[in-house]
C-alpha atoms as a PDB file:
ATOM      1  CA  MET A   1     107.242 129.081 132.612  1.00  0.00           C
ATOM      2  CA  ALA A   2     110.618 127.861 131.318  1.00  0.00           C
ATOM      3  CA  ASP A   3     112.388 129.797 134.064  1.00  0.00           C
ATOM      4  CA  GLU A   4     110.435 127.963 136.781  1.00  0.00           C
ATOM      5  CA  LYS A   5     111.194 124.578 135.232  1.00  0.00           C
ATOM      6  CA  ASP A   6     114.867 125.512 134.939  1.00  0.00           C
ATOM      7  CA  ILE A   7     114.947 126.507 138.621  1.00  0.00           C
ATOM      8  CA  ILE A   8     113.617 123.074 139.613  1.00  0.00           C
ATOM      9  CA  VAL A   9     116.014 121.160 137.349  1.00  0.00           C
ATOM     10  CA  GLU A  10     119.012 123.201 138.540  1.00  0.00           C
ATOM     11  CA  PHE A  11     117.982 122.677 142.174  1.00  0.00           C
ATOM     12  CA  LEU A  12     117.840 118.899 141.640  1.00  0.00           C
ATOM     13  CA  LYS A  13     121.168 118.823 139.805  1.00  0.00           C
ATOM     14  CA  SER A  14     122.859 120.889 142.524  1.00  0.00           C
ATOM     15  CA  LYS A  15     121.717 118.412 145.196  1.00  0.00           C
ATOM     16  CA  SER A  16     122.318 115.229 143.182  1.00  0.00           C
ATOM     17  CA  ALA A  17     125.523 114.329 145.037  1.00  0.00           C
ATOM     18  CA  SER A  18     123.647 113.971 148.322  1.00  0.00           C
ATOM     19  CA  LYS A  19     120.005 113.199 147.390  1.00  0.00           C
ATOM     20  CA  SER A  20     118.059 112.113 144.339  1.00  0.00           C
ATOM     21  CA  LYS A  21     114.453 112.410 145.576  1.00  0.00           C
ATOM     22  CA  PHE A  22     112.754 115.370 147.238  1.00  0.00           C
ATOM     23  CA  TYR A  23     109.466 116.055 148.990  1.00  0.00           C
ATOM     24  CA  PHE A  24     106.866 118.396 147.524  1.00  0.00           C
ATOM     25  CA  LYS A  25     107.538 120.922 150.307  1.00  0.00           C
ATOM     26  CA  ASP A  26     111.159 121.208 149.143  1.00  0.00           C
ATOM     27  CA  PHE A  27     109.875 122.655 145.873  1.00  0.00           C
ATOM     28  CA  THR A  28     107.342 124.992 147.469  1.00  0.00           C
ATOM     29  CA  GLU A  29     110.270 126.554 149.349  1.00  0.00           C
ATOM     30  CA  LEU A  30     111.880 127.406 145.979  1.00  0.00           C
ATOM     31  CA  PHE A  31     108.834 129.525 145.095  1.00  0.00           C
ATOM     32  CA  PRO A  32     107.685 131.369 148.230  1.00  0.00           C
ATOM     33  CA  ASP A  33     105.543 133.719 146.111  1.00  0.00           C
ATOM     34  CA  LYS A  34     103.534 130.839 144.571  1.00  0.00           C
ATOM     35  CA  GLY A  35     100.822 128.727 146.093  1.00  0.00           C
ATOM     36  CA  PRO A  36     101.093 124.937 146.381  1.00  0.00           C
ATOM     37  CA  ARG A  37      98.717 124.403 143.447  1.00  0.00           C
ATOM     38  CA  GLU A  38     100.934 126.466 141.128  1.00  0.00           C
ATOM     39  CA  VAL A  39     104.061 124.564 142.194  1.00  0.00           C
ATOM     40  CA  LYS A  40     102.245 121.231 141.724  1.00  0.00           C
ATOM     41  CA  LYS A  41     101.339 122.246 138.157  1.00  0.00           C
ATOM     42  CA  ILE A  42     104.984 122.988 137.351  1.00  0.00           C
ATOM     43  CA  LEU A  43     106.099 119.625 138.788  1.00  0.00           C
ATOM     44  CA  THR A  44     103.323 117.772 136.949  1.00  0.00           C
ATOM     45  CA  ARG A  45     104.331 119.422 133.685  1.00  0.00           C
ATOM     46  CA  LEU A  46     107.942 118.278 134.209  1.00  0.00           C
ATOM     47  CA  VAL A  47     106.761 114.728 134.963  1.00  0.00           C
ATOM     48  CA  ASN A  48     104.599 114.742 131.814  1.00  0.00           C
ATOM     49  CA  GLU A  49     107.610 115.938 129.809  1.00  0.00           C
ATOM     50  CA  GLU A  50     109.592 113.033 131.348  1.00  0.00           C
ATOM     51  CA  VAL A  51     112.164 115.351 132.914  1.00  0.00           C
ATOM     52  CA  LEU A  52     111.099 114.363 136.441  1.00  0.00           C
ATOM     53  CA  GLU A  53     109.576 111.205 137.861  1.00  0.00           C
ATOM     54  CA  PHE A  54     107.430 110.390 140.855  1.00  0.00           C
ATOM     55  CA  TRP A  55     108.564 107.976 143.515  1.00  0.00           C
ATOM     56  CA  SER A  56     106.031 106.740 146.008  1.00  0.00           C
ATOM     57  CA  SER A  57     106.504 104.728 149.171  1.00  0.00           C
ATOM     58  CA  GLY A  58     102.759 104.305 149.454  1.00  0.00           C
ATOM     59  CA  SER A  59     102.410 106.960 152.117  1.00  0.00           C
ATOM     60  CA  THR A  60     104.416 109.775 150.564  1.00  0.00           C
ATOM     61  CA  THR A  61     105.336 110.941 147.084  1.00  0.00           C
ATOM     62  CA  MET A  62     108.717 112.326 146.156  1.00  0.00           C
ATOM     63  CA  TYR A  63     110.119 113.822 142.972  1.00  0.00           C
ATOM     64  CA  GLY A  64     113.467 113.393 141.275  1.00  0.00           C
ATOM     65  CA  LEU A  65     115.190 113.656 137.922  1.00  0.00           C
ATOM     66  CA  LYS A  66     114.189 110.804 135.645  1.00  0.00           C
ATOM     67  CA  GLY A  67     116.646 107.916 135.901  1.00  0.00           C
ATOM     68  CA  ALA A  68     118.565 109.347 138.849  1.00  0.00           C
ATOM     69  CA  GLY A  69     119.156 107.608 142.159  1.00  0.00           C
ATOM     70  CA  LYS A  70     119.384 104.111 143.544  1.00  0.00           C
ATOM     71  CA  GLN A  71     115.718 103.293 142.911  1.00  0.00           C
ATOM     72  CA  ALA A  72     116.087 103.661 139.141  1.00  0.00           C
ATOM     73  CA  HIS A  73     119.101 101.360 139.050  1.00  0.00           C
ATOM     74  CA  THR A  74     117.482  98.626 141.137  1.00  0.00           C
ATOM     75  CA  GLU A  75     114.467  98.596 138.841  1.00  0.00           C
ATOM     76  CA  GLY A  76     116.602  98.246 135.735  1.00  0.00           C
ATOM     77  CA  GLU A  77     115.945 101.775 134.480  1.00  0.00           C
ATOM     78  CA  ASP A  78     118.784 103.726 132.911  1.00  0.00           C
END
């Protein structure tokens, strides 16, 4: 399981210069051999471990590294 979590964290770090939040489908594309439920479990585990965080606009949910991006800074999180 650590390998899958590492893949997600490395993906987010590699894209951090251009984006800080990603849609669920972006992560399912990282694991074409896994179903959506399996990918969701990996993401949920990373959120529970406080490596990732959810961001919701009300109509969609996105994921990003905890404390990264403009949203975190405007809400006083560091």
